[in-house]
Amino acid sequence: MREYEAIDYLDKLEVGNYLTVNIPLIGDDKIPVTAMYLGKDKTGKYNFADSGIFVFSKEFIEKGKISFDKEYDGDKALEIHARIRMEQEKNFKKAKNNDAR
């Protein structure tokens, strides 16, 4: 997907959807990473989650260093979903315990 298509695709992508982010290594080598799209932050950067959180600016994406594929690894997507769900539950329980004074 071309640079301008990537930005348009991300702007239309709903938070929580999965995609493959092709991250450049050395030369023309890229590593495909299945990630959940977390939306844009207050500064307009695009946020993604896999085993952690990573963020790319619009300018970085437009330079063509990063590319995206609509297809992704379903097993990896389930792992990401489970991890994020566990973190949300942990944060909810922590907040609930802090409110019980």
Foldseek 3Di string as FASTA:
>chain_A
DALVVQVVVLVPDDFQAWWWKWADDPDRHTDTAIWTWHQADPVRWTWTDAPHIDTHHSVRSNVVRMDIGNDDDPVSSVVRVVVVVVVVVVVVVVVVVVPPD
